[in-house]
Amino acid sequence: MPFQLTPLITQVAQIATTTSETVSRHNEVLTQLEEQARQNAIQQATNTQALAQLTEDVASLTDVVTNAIEIIESDREAFREEIRRIWEYLLKSNGHGGV
């Protein structure tokens, strides 16, 4: 009977070794995943900060462009008025010069 237990004990020892190796590999993978998750969290925080800065920059540029458009529209109206004034002057001058 002792001879029959030896192969069984050997199999149990192999299973225990295999299980231990598997647990060890799983622990390594888990450690790698935890590190990757930590790095991802850092990158996400960095991206969030960059996005916030870009949002501020876009808002600032929008203000600048809006102000520039307002100035351009104001200048355009001023130029139209000046052109109209010059045109009327030329019409009056040519009308009086031809008489």
PDB file of N, CA and C in Angstrom:
ATOM      1  N   MET A   1       0.785  -1.202   0.000  1.00  0.00           N
ATOM      2  CA  MET A   1       0.000   0.000   0.000  1.00  0.00           C
ATOM      3  C   MET A   1       0.836   1.281   0.000  1.00  0.00           C
ATOM      4  N   PRO A   2       1.991   1.294   0.682  1.00  0.00           N
ATOM      5  CA  PRO A   2       2.800   2.501   0.632  1.00  0.00           C
ATOM      6  C   PRO A   2       3.245   2.839  -0.788  1.00  0.00           C
ATOM      7  N   PHE A   3       3.370   1.855  -1.650  1.00  0.00           N
ATOM      8  CA  PHE A   3       3.799   2.124  -3.021  1.00  0.00           C
ATOM      9  C   PHE A   3       2.727   2.846  -3.817  1.00  0.00           C
ATOM     10  N   GLN A   4       1.502   2.667  -3.484  1.00  0.00           N
ATOM     11  CA  GLN A   4       0.406   3.321  -4.204  1.00  0.00           C
ATOM     12  C   GLN A   4       0.264   4.784  -3.785  1.00  0.00           C
ATOM     13  N   LEU A   5       0.659   5.124  -2.580  1.00  0.00           N
ATOM     14  CA  LEU A   5       0.557   6.507  -2.112  1.00  0.00           C
ATOM     15  C   LEU A   5       1.631   7.410  -2.717  1.00  0.00           C
ATOM     16  N   THR A   6       2.754   6.842  -3.046  1.00  0.00           N
ATOM     17  CA  THR A   6       3.861   7.646  -3.564  1.00  0.00           C
ATOM     18  C   THR A   6       3.484   8.379  -4.852  1.00  0.00           C
ATOM     19  N   PRO A   7       2.897   7.711  -5.850  1.00  0.00           N
ATOM     20  CA  PRO A   7       2.520   8.470  -7.042  1.00  0.00           C
ATOM     21  C   PRO A   7       1.480   9.544  -6.740  1.00  0.00           C
ATOM     22  N   LEU A   8       0.576   9.245  -5.824  1.00  0.00           N
ATOM     23  CA  LEU A   8      -0.455  10.211  -5.462  1.00  0.00           C
ATOM     24  C   LEU A   8       0.153  11.421  -4.761  1.00  0.00           C
ATOM     25  N   ILE A   9       1.086  11.186  -3.876  1.00  0.00           N
ATOM     26  CA  ILE A   9       1.775  12.277  -3.179  1.00  0.00           C
ATOM     27  C   ILE A   9       2.580  13.096  -4.175  1.00  0.00           C
ATOM     28  N   THR A  10       3.197  12.438  -5.144  1.00  0.00           N
ATOM     29  CA  THR A  10       3.961  13.129  -6.173  1.00  0.00           C
ATOM     30  C   THR A  10       3.038  14.026  -6.999  1.00  0.00           C
ATOM     31  N   GLN A  11       1.864  13.530  -7.361  1.00  0.00           N
ATOM     32  CA  GLN A  11       0.898  14.330  -8.123  1.00  0.00           C
ATOM     33  C   GLN A  11       0.420  15.540  -7.314  1.00  0.00           C
ATOM     34  N   VAL A  12       0.155  15.314  -6.043  1.00  0.00           N
ATOM     35  CA  VAL A  12      -0.279  16.419  -5.176  1.00  0.00           C
ATOM     36  C   VAL A  12       0.825  17.466  -5.090  1.00  0.00           C
ATOM     37  N   ALA A  13       2.063  17.049  -4.971  1.00  0.00           N
ATOM     38  CA  ALA A  13       3.193  17.975  -4.906  1.00  0.00           C
ATOM     39  C   ALA A  13       3.317  18.762  -6.210  1.00  0.00           C
ATOM     40  N   GLN A  14       3.126  18.103  -7.345  1.00  0.00           N
ATOM     41  CA  GLN A  14       3.182  18.788  -8.644  1.00  0.00           C
ATOM     42  C   GLN A  14       2.050  19.808  -8.768  1.00  0.00           C
ATOM     43  N   ILE A  15       0.864  19.395  -8.339  1.00  0.00           N
ATOM     44  CA  ILE A  15      -0.279  20.306  -8.387  1.00  0.00           C
ATOM     45  C   ILE A  15      -0.029  21.518  -7.484  1.00  0.00           C
ATOM     46  N   ALA A  16       0.521  21.269  -6.305  1.00  0.00           N
ATOM     47  CA  ALA A  16       0.820  22.359  -5.375  1.00  0.00           C
ATOM     48  C   ALA A  16       1.854  23.299  -5.975  1.00  0.00           C
ATOM     49  N   THR A  17       2.877  22.739  -6.624  1.00  0.00           N
ATOM     50  CA  THR A  17       3.918  23.554  -7.261  1.00  0.00           C
ATOM     51  C   THR A  17       3.323  24.368  -8.403  1.00  0.00           C
ATOM     52  N   THR A  18       2.530  23.713  -9.237  1.00  0.00           N
ATOM     53  CA  THR A  18       1.898  24.393 -10.364  1.00  0.00           C
ATOM     54  C   THR A  18       0.977  25.510  -9.868  1.00  0.00           C
ATOM     55  N   THR A  19       0.215  25.225  -8.829  1.00  0.00           N
ATOM     56  CA  THR A  19      -0.683  26.219  -8.262  1.00  0.00           C
ATOM     57  C   THR A  19       0.106  27.393  -7.708  1.00  0.00           C
ATOM     58  N   SER A  20       1.176  27.118  -7.042  1.00  0.00           N
ATOM     59  CA  SER A  20       2.031  28.172  -6.479  1.00  0.00           C
ATOM     60  C   SER A  20       2.623  29.049  -7.590  1.00  0.00           C
ATOM     61  N   GLU A  21       3.085  28.395  -8.673  1.00  0.00           N
ATOM     62  CA  GLU A  21       3.627  29.141  -9.810  1.00  0.00           C
ATOM     63  C   GLU A  21       2.543  30.000 -10.461  1.00  0.00           C
ATOM     64  N   THR A  22       1.338  29.443 -10.577  1.00  0.00           N
ATOM     65  CA  THR A  22       0.223  30.180 -11.169  1.00  0.00           C
ATOM     66  C   THR A  22      -0.133  31.392 -10.311  1.00  0.00           C
ATOM     67  N   VAL A  23      -0.185  31.211  -9.011  1.00  0.00           N
ATOM     68  CA  VAL A  23      -0.472  32.320  -8.096  1.00  0.00           C
ATOM     69  C   VAL A  23       0.616  33.384  -8.227  1.00  0.00           C
ATOM     70  N   SER A  24       1.841  32.950  -8.320  1.00  0.00           N
ATOM     71  CA  SER A  24       2.959  33.891  -8.458  1.00  0.00           C
ATOM     72  C   SER A  24       2.825  34.703  -9.753  1.00  0.00           C
ATOM     73  N   ARG A  25       2.502  34.020 -10.856  1.00  0.00           N
ATOM     74  CA  ARG A  25       2.315  34.718 -12.140  1.00  0.00           C
ATOM     75  C   ARG A  25       1.138  35.683 -12.054  1.00  0.00           C
ATOM     76  N   HIS A  26       0.070  35.242 -11.418  1.00  0.00           N
ATOM     77  CA  HIS A  26      -1.103  36.120 -11.269  1.00  0.00           C
ATOM     78  C   HIS A  26      -0.757  37.352 -10.440  1.00  0.00           C
ATOM     79  N   ASN A  27       0.042  37.158  -9.405  1.00  0.00           N
ATOM     80  CA  ASN A  27       0.463  38.295  -8.589  1.00  0.00           C
ATOM     81  C   ASN A  27       1.311  39.284  -9.390  1.00  0.00           C
ATOM     82  N   GLU A  28       2.195  38.741 -10.234  1.00  0.00           N
ATOM     83  CA  GLU A  28       3.010  39.609 -11.089  1.00  0.00           C
ATOM     84  C   GLU A  28       2.129  40.411 -12.044  1.00  0.00           C
ATOM     85  N   VAL A  29       1.175  39.728 -12.658  1.00  0.00           N
ATOM     86  CA  VAL A  29       0.270  40.402 -13.593  1.00  0.00           C
ATOM     87  C   VAL A  29      -0.564  41.450 -12.857  1.00  0.00           C
ATOM     88  N   LEU A  30      -1.027  41.105 -11.681  1.00  0.00           N
ATOM     89  CA  LEU A  30      -1.809  42.044 -10.888  1.00  0.00           C
ATOM     90  C   LEU A  30      -0.979  43.280 -10.540  1.00  0.00           C
ATOM     91  N   THR A  31       0.264  43.077 -10.186  1.00  0.00           N
ATOM     92  CA  THR A  31       1.166  44.193  -9.885  1.00  0.00           C
ATOM     93  C   THR A  31       1.350  45.073 -11.123  1.00  0.00           C
ATOM     94  N   GLN A  32       1.522  44.432 -12.276  1.00  0.00           N
ATOM     95  CA  GLN A  32       1.664  45.193 -13.522  1.00  0.00           C
ATOM     96  C   GLN A  32       0.399  45.989 -13.824  1.00  0.00           C
ATOM     97  N   LEU A  33      -0.758  45.358 -13.623  1.00  0.00           N
ATOM     98  CA  LEU A  33      -2.026  46.048 -13.871  1.00  0.00           C
ATOM     99  C   LEU A  33      -2.221  47.231 -12.919  1.00  0.00           C
ATOM    100  N   GLU A  34      -1.845  47.038 -11.664  1.00  0.00           N
ATOM    101  CA  GLU A  34      -1.951  48.132 -10.696  1.00  0.00           C
ATOM    102  C   GLU A  34      -1.055  49.295 -11.090  1.00  0.00           C
ATOM    103  N   GLU A  35       0.158  48.991 -11.550  1.00  0.00           N
ATOM    104  CA  GLU A  35       1.085  50.041 -11.997  1.00  0.00           C
ATOM    105  C   GLU A  35       0.534  50.759 -13.224  1.00  0.00           C
ATOM    106  N   GLN A  36      -0.022  49.993 -14.146  1.00  0.00           N
ATOM    107  CA  GLN A  36      -0.602  50.595 -15.343  1.00  0.00           C
ATOM    108  C   GLN A  36      -1.786  51.487 -14.981  1.00  0.00           C
ATOM    109  N   ALA A  37      -2.600  51.031 -14.032  1.00  0.00           N
ATOM    110  CA  ALA A  37      -3.739  51.833 -13.581  1.00  0.00           C
ATOM    111  C   ALA A  37      -3.255  53.129 -12.931  1.00  0.00           C
ATOM    112  N   ARG A  38      -2.164  53.047 -12.162  1.00  0.00           N
ATOM    113  CA  ARG A  38      -1.592  54.251 -11.541  1.00  0.00           C
ATOM    114  C   ARG A  38      -1.090  55.223 -12.601  1.00  0.00           C
ATOM    115  N   GLN A  39      -0.385  54.690 -13.586  1.00  0.00           N
ATOM    116  CA  GLN A  39       0.116  55.542 -14.673  1.00  0.00           C
ATOM    117  C   GLN A  39      -1.041  56.145 -15.467  1.00  0.00           C
ATOM    118  N   ASN A  40      -2.090  55.365 -15.690  1.00  0.00           N
ATOM    119  CA  ASN A  40      -3.262  55.876 -16.400  1.00  0.00           C
ATOM    120  C   ASN A  40      -3.918  57.008 -15.623  1.00  0.00           C
ATOM    121  N   ALA A  41      -3.991  56.872 -14.310  1.00  0.00           N
ATOM    122  CA  ALA A  41      -4.593  57.921 -13.475  1.00  0.00           C
ATOM    123  C   ALA A  41      -3.763  59.201 -13.550  1.00  0.00           C
ATOM    124  N   ILE A  42      -2.448  59.062 -13.532  1.00  0.00           N
ATOM    125  CA  ILE A  42      -1.568  60.232 -13.661  1.00  0.00           C
ATOM    126  C   ILE A  42      -1.773  60.888 -15.018  1.00  0.00           C
ATOM    127  N   GLN A  43      -1.817  60.087 -16.069  1.00  0.00           N
ATOM    128  CA  GLN A  43      -2.007  60.630 -17.418  1.00  0.00           C
ATOM    129  C   GLN A  43      -3.372  61.304 -17.536  1.00  0.00           C
ATOM    130  N   GLN A  44      -4.381  60.696 -16.940  1.00  0.00           N
ATOM    131  CA  GLN A  44      -5.716  61.287 -16.994  1.00  0.00           C
ATOM    132  C   GLN A  44      -5.733  62.639 -16.285  1.00  0.00           C
ATOM    133  N   ALA A  45      -5.057  62.739 -15.150  1.00  0.00           N
ATOM    134  CA  ALA A  45      -4.991  64.017 -14.436  1.00  0.00           C
ATOM    135  C   ALA A  45      -4.263  65.062 -15.272  1.00  0.00           C
ATOM    136  N   THR A  46      -3.184  64.647 -15.919  1.00  0.00           N
ATOM    137  CA  THR A  46      -2.434  65.554 -16.792  1.00  0.00           C
ATOM    138  C   THR A  46      -3.302  66.009 -17.966  1.00  0.00           C
ATOM    139  N   ASN A  47      -4.017  65.065 -18.565  1.00  0.00           N
ATOM    140  CA  ASN A  47      -4.895  65.404 -19.688  1.00  0.00           C
ATOM    141  C   ASN A  47      -6.017  66.343 -19.254  1.00  0.00           C
ATOM    142  N   THR A  48      -6.550  66.120 -18.063  1.00  0.00           N
ATOM    143  CA  THR A  48      -7.621  66.972 -17.551  1.00  0.00           C
ATOM    144  C   THR A  48      -7.116  68.403 -17.363  1.00  0.00           C
ATOM    145  N   GLN A  49      -5.916  68.535 -16.822  1.00  0.00           N
ATOM    146  CA  GLN A  49      -5.333  69.869 -16.646  1.00  0.00           C
ATOM    147  C   GLN A  49      -5.082  70.538 -17.996  1.00  0.00           C
ATOM    148  N   ALA A  50      -4.562  69.776 -18.950  1.00  0.00           N
ATOM    149  CA  ALA A  50      -4.300  70.330 -20.279  1.00  0.00           C
ATOM    150  C   ALA A  50      -5.601  70.754 -20.947  1.00  0.00           C
ATOM    151  N   LEU A  51      -6.631  69.952 -20.797  1.00  0.00           N
ATOM    152  CA  LEU A  51      -7.925  70.285 -21.381  1.00  0.00           C
ATOM    153  C   LEU A  51      -8.501  71.546 -20.755  1.00  0.00           C
ATOM    154  N   ALA A  52      -8.347  71.685 -19.449  1.00  0.00           N
ATOM    155  CA  ALA A  52      -8.825  72.895 -18.773  1.00  0.00           C
ATOM    156  C   ALA A  52      -8.090  74.122 -19.305  1.00  0.00           C
ATOM    157  N   GLN A  53      -6.784  73.997 -19.510  1.00  0.00           N
ATOM    158  CA  GLN A  53      -6.000  75.120 -20.047  1.00  0.00           C
ATOM    159  C   GLN A  53      -6.426  75.434 -21.474  1.00  0.00           C
ATOM    160  N   LEU A  54      -6.639  74.411 -22.285  1.00  0.00           N
ATOM    161  CA  LEU A  54      -7.091  74.638 -23.658  1.00  0.00           C
ATOM    162  C   LEU A  54      -8.462  75.302 -23.684  1.00  0.00           C
ATOM    163  N   THR A  55      -9.323  74.912 -22.773  1.00  0.00           N
ATOM    164  CA  THR A  55     -10.650  75.515 -22.690  1.00  0.00           C
ATOM    165  C   THR A  55     -10.526  77.000 -22.365  1.00  0.00           C
ATOM    166  N   GLU A  56      -9.646  77.334 -21.426  1.00  0.00           N
ATOM    167  CA  GLU A  56      -9.409  78.742 -21.094  1.00  0.00           C
ATOM    168  C   GLU A  56      -8.842  79.492 -22.299  1.00  0.00           C
ATOM    169  N   ASP A  57      -7.904  78.863 -22.994  1.00  0.00           N
ATOM    170  CA  ASP A  57      -7.296  79.500 -24.167  1.00  0.00           C
ATOM    171  C   ASP A  57      -8.336  79.762 -25.254  1.00  0.00           C
ATOM    172  N   VAL A  58      -9.215  78.789 -25.493  1.00  0.00           N
ATOM    173  CA  VAL A  58     -10.257  78.952 -26.506  1.00  0.00           C
ATOM    174  C   VAL A  58     -11.193  80.096 -26.110  1.00  0.00           C
ATOM    175  N   ALA A  59     -11.557  80.161 -24.841  1.00  0.00           N
ATOM    176  CA  ALA A  59     -12.428  81.243 -24.370  1.00  0.00           C
ATOM    177  C   ALA A  59     -11.745  82.593 -24.565  1.00  0.00           C
ATOM    178  N   SER A  60     -10.473  82.652 -24.260  1.00  0.00           N
ATOM    179  CA  SER A  60      -9.719  83.901 -24.428  1.00  0.00           C
ATOM    180  C   SER A  60      -9.638  84.292 -25.908  1.00  0.00           C
ATOM    181  N   LEU A  61      -9.344  83.318 -26.756  1.00  0.00           N
ATOM    182  CA  LEU A  61      -9.275  83.601 -28.193  1.00  0.00           C
ATOM    183  C   LEU A  61     -10.628  84.020 -28.746  1.00  0.00           C
ATOM    184  N   THR A  62     -11.680  83.425 -28.227  1.00  0.00           N
ATOM    185  CA  THR A  62     -13.027  83.805 -28.649  1.00  0.00           C
ATOM    186  C   THR A  62     -13.284  85.265 -28.308  1.00  0.00           C
ATOM    187  N   ASP A  63     -12.880  85.686 -27.120  1.00  0.00           N
ATOM    188  CA  ASP A  63     -13.035  87.092 -26.725  1.00  0.00           C
ATOM    189  C   ASP A  63     -12.244  88.013 -27.653  1.00  0.00           C
ATOM    190  N   VAL A  64     -11.008  87.626 -27.952  1.00  0.00           N
ATOM    191  CA  VAL A  64     -10.161  88.445 -28.828  1.00  0.00           C
ATOM    192  C   VAL A  64     -10.792  88.577 -30.215  1.00  0.00           C
ATOM    193  N   VAL A  65     -11.245  87.449 -30.760  1.00  0.00           N
ATOM    194  CA  VAL A  65     -11.846  87.472 -32.099  1.00  0.00           C
ATOM    195  C   VAL A  65     -13.142  88.282 -32.089  1.00  0.00           C
ATOM    196  N   THR A  66     -13.948  88.125 -31.050  1.00  0.00           N
ATOM    197  CA  THR A  66     -15.196  88.882 -30.949  1.00  0.00           C
ATOM    198  C   THR A  66     -14.906  90.374 -30.900  1.00  0.00           C
ATOM    199  N   ASN A  67     -13.921  90.766 -30.108  1.00  0.00           N
ATOM    200  CA  ASN A  67     -13.539  92.187 -30.042  1.00  0.00           C
ATOM    201  C   ASN A  67     -13.026  92.688 -31.386  1.00  0.00           C
ATOM    202  N   ALA A  68     -12.229  91.863 -32.062  1.00  0.00           N
ATOM    203  CA  ALA A  68     -11.704  92.268 -33.375  1.00  0.00           C
ATOM    204  C   ALA A  68     -12.840  92.446 -34.369  1.00  0.00           C
ATOM    205  N   ILE A  69     -13.819  91.555 -34.342  1.00  0.00           N
ATOM    206  CA  ILE A  69     -14.964  91.663 -35.251  1.00  0.00           C
ATOM    207  C   ILE A  69     -15.743  92.941 -34.963  1.00  0.00           C
ATOM    208  N   GLU A  70     -15.931  93.246 -33.692  1.00  0.00           N
ATOM    209  CA  GLU A  70     -16.642  94.477 -33.337  1.00  0.00           C
ATOM    210  C   GLU A  70     -15.895  95.714 -33.838  1.00  0.00           C
ATOM    211  N   ILE A  71     -14.579  95.710 -33.690  1.00  0.00           N
ATOM    212  CA  ILE A  71     -13.770  96.839 -34.173  1.00  0.00           C
ATOM    213  C   ILE A  71     -13.854  96.948 -35.691  1.00  0.00           C
ATOM    214  N   ILE A  72     -13.764  95.811 -36.363  1.00  0.00           N
ATOM    215  CA  ILE A  72     -13.832  95.801 -37.833  1.00  0.00           C
ATOM    216  C   ILE A  72     -15.186  96.324 -38.299  1.00  0.00           C
ATOM    217  N   GLU A  73     -16.248  95.876 -37.658  1.00  0.00           N
ATOM    218  CA  GLU A  73     -17.580  96.347 -38.045  1.00  0.00           C
ATOM    219  C   GLU A  73     -17.720  97.844 -37.805  1.00  0.00           C
ATOM    220  N   SER A  74     -17.187  98.318 -36.704  1.00  0.00           N
ATOM    221  CA  SER A  74     -17.227  99.751 -36.407  1.00  0.00           C
ATOM    222  C   SER A  74     -16.424 100.535 -37.450  1.00  0.00           C
ATOM    223  N   ASP A  75     -15.223 100.036 -37.764  1.00  0.00           N
ATOM    224  CA  ASP A  75     -14.394 100.702 -38.777  1.00  0.00           C
ATOM    225  C   ASP A  75     -15.082 100.692 -40.135  1.00  0.00           C
ATOM    226  N   ARG A  76     -15.728  99.573 -40.460  1.00  0.00           N
ATOM    227  CA  ARG A  76     -16.420  99.478 -41.742  1.00  0.00           C
ATOM    228  C   ARG A  76     -17.519 100.540 -41.842  1.00  0.00           C
ATOM    229  N   GLU A  77     -18.270 100.732 -40.774  1.00  0.00           N
ATOM    230  CA  GLU A  77     -19.312 101.760 -40.776  1.00  0.00           C
ATOM    231  C   GLU A  77     -18.699 103.151 -40.898  1.00  0.00           C
ATOM    232  N   ALA A  78     -17.599 103.377 -40.197  1.00  0.00           N
ATOM    233  CA  ALA A  78     -16.931 104.685 -40.282  1.00  0.00           C
ATOM    234  C   ALA A  78     -16.429 104.923 -41.704  1.00  0.00           C
ATOM    235  N   PHE A  79     -15.848 103.904 -42.332  1.00  0.00           N
ATOM    236  CA  PHE A  79     -15.364 104.046 -43.714  1.00  0.00           C
ATOM    237  C   PHE A  79     -16.524 104.316 -44.665  1.00  0.00           C
ATOM    238  N   ARG A  80     -17.638 103.617 -44.474  1.00  0.00           N
ATOM    239  CA  ARG A  80     -18.809 103.848 -45.327  1.00  0.00           C
ATOM    240  C   ARG A  80     -19.283 105.295 -45.220  1.00  0.00           C
ATOM    241  N   GLU A  81     -19.340 105.789 -43.999  1.00  0.00           N
ATOM    242  CA  GLU A  81     -19.771 107.174 -43.796  1.00  0.00           C
ATOM    243  C   GLU A  81     -18.800 108.139 -44.454  1.00  0.00           C
ATOM    244  N   GLU A  82     -17.529 107.888 -44.321  1.00  0.00           N
ATOM    245  CA  GLU A  82     -16.530 108.770 -44.941  1.00  0.00           C
ATOM    246  C   GLU A  82     -16.602 108.696 -46.463  1.00  0.00           C
ATOM    247  N   ILE A  83     -16.767 107.504 -46.995  1.00  0.00           N
ATOM    248  CA  ILE A  83     -16.896 107.354 -48.454  1.00  0.00           C
ATOM    249  C   ILE A  83     -18.159 108.063 -48.935  1.00  0.00           C
ATOM    250  N   ARG A  84     -19.253 107.918 -48.201  1.00  0.00           N
ATOM    251  CA  ARG A  84     -20.507 108.586 -48.550  1.00  0.00           C
ATOM    252  C   ARG A  84     -20.325 110.105 -48.535  1.00  0.00           C
ATOM    253  N   ARG A  85     -19.626 110.610 -47.509  1.00  0.00           N
ATOM    254  CA  ARG A  85     -19.378 112.052 -47.393  1.00  0.00           C
ATOM    255  C   ARG A  85     -18.528 112.548 -48.568  1.00  0.00           C
ATOM    256  N   ILE A  86     -17.473 111.787 -48.890  1.00  0.00           N
ATOM    257  CA  ILE A  86     -16.606 112.172 -50.019  1.00  0.00           C
ATOM    258  C   ILE A  86     -17.394 112.113 -51.327  1.00  0.00           C
ATOM    259  N   TRP A  87     -18.211 111.074 -51.496  1.00  0.00           N
ATOM    260  CA  TRP A  87     -19.012 110.926 -52.715  1.00  0.00           C
ATOM    261  C   TRP A  87     -19.962 112.117 -52.874  1.00  0.00           C
ATOM    262  N   GLU A  88     -20.630 112.467 -51.789  1.00  0.00           N
ATOM    263  CA  GLU A  88     -21.539 113.610 -51.847  1.00  0.00           C
ATOM    264  C   GLU A  88     -20.780 114.895 -52.159  1.00  0.00           C
ATOM    265  N   TYR A  89     -19.594 115.051 -51.585  1.00  0.00           N
ATOM    266  CA  TYR A  89     -18.772 116.235 -51.872  1.00  0.00           C
ATOM    267  C   TYR A  89     -18.402 116.278 -53.343  1.00  0.00           C
ATOM    268  N   LEU A  90     -17.979 115.112 -53.886  1.00  0.00           N
ATOM    269  CA  LEU A  90     -17.604 115.056 -55.293  1.00  0.00           C
ATOM    270  C   LEU A  90     -18.802 115.349 -56.192  1.00  0.00           C
ATOM    271  N   LEU A  91     -19.965 114.830 -55.836  1.00  0.00           N
ATOM    272  CA  LEU A  91     -21.154 115.087 -56.632  1.00  0.00           C
ATOM    273  C   LEU A  91     -21.487 116.589 -56.633  1.00  0.00           C
ATOM    274  N   LYS A  92     -21.400 117.217 -55.467  1.00  0.00           N
ATOM    275  CA  LYS A  92     -21.664 118.651 -55.354  1.00  0.00           C
ATOM    276  C   LYS A  92     -20.617 119.464 -56.107  1.00  0.00           C
ATOM    277  N   SER A  93     -19.333 119.053 -55.976  1.00  0.00           N
ATOM    278  CA  SER A  93     -18.262 119.784 -56.632  1.00  0.00           C
ATOM    279  C   SER A  93     -18.380 119.682 -58.146  1.00  0.00           C
ATOM    280  N   ASN A  94     -18.668 118.491 -58.645  1.00  0.00           N
ATOM    281  CA  ASN A  94     -18.796 118.312 -60.096  1.00  0.00           C
ATOM    282  C   ASN A  94     -20.043 119.022 -60.608  1.00  0.00           C
ATOM    283  N   GLY A  95     -21.081 119.022 -59.812  1.00  0.00           N
ATOM    284  CA  GLY A  95     -22.316 119.694 -60.217  1.00  0.00           C
ATOM    285  C   GLY A  95     -22.125 121.200 -60.313  1.00  0.00           C
ATOM    286  N   HIS A  96     -21.378 121.790 -59.378  1.00  0.00           N
ATOM    287  CA  HIS A  96     -21.140 123.236 -59.396  1.00  0.00           C
ATOM    288  C   HIS A  96     -20.101 123.601 -60.442  1.00  0.00           C
ATOM    289  N   GLY A  97     -19.130 122.704 -60.661  1.00  0.00           N
ATOM    290  CA  GLY A  97     -18.075 123.007 -61.634  1.00  0.00           C
ATOM    291  C   GLY A  97     -18.595 122.991 -63.048  1.00  0.00           C
ATOM    292  N   GLY A  98     -19.635 122.211 -63.302  1.00  0.00           N
ATOM    293  CA  GLY A  98     -20.167 122.105 -64.670  1.00  0.00           C
ATOM    294  C   GLY A  98     -21.131 123.222 -65.000  1.00  0.00           C
ATOM    295  N   VAL A  99     -21.582 123.993 -64.037  1.00  0.00           N
ATOM    296  CA  VAL A  99     -22.554 125.055 -64.300  1.00  0.00           C
ATOM    297  C   VAL A  99     -21.903 126.312 -64.769  1.00  0.00           C
TER     298      VAL A  99
END
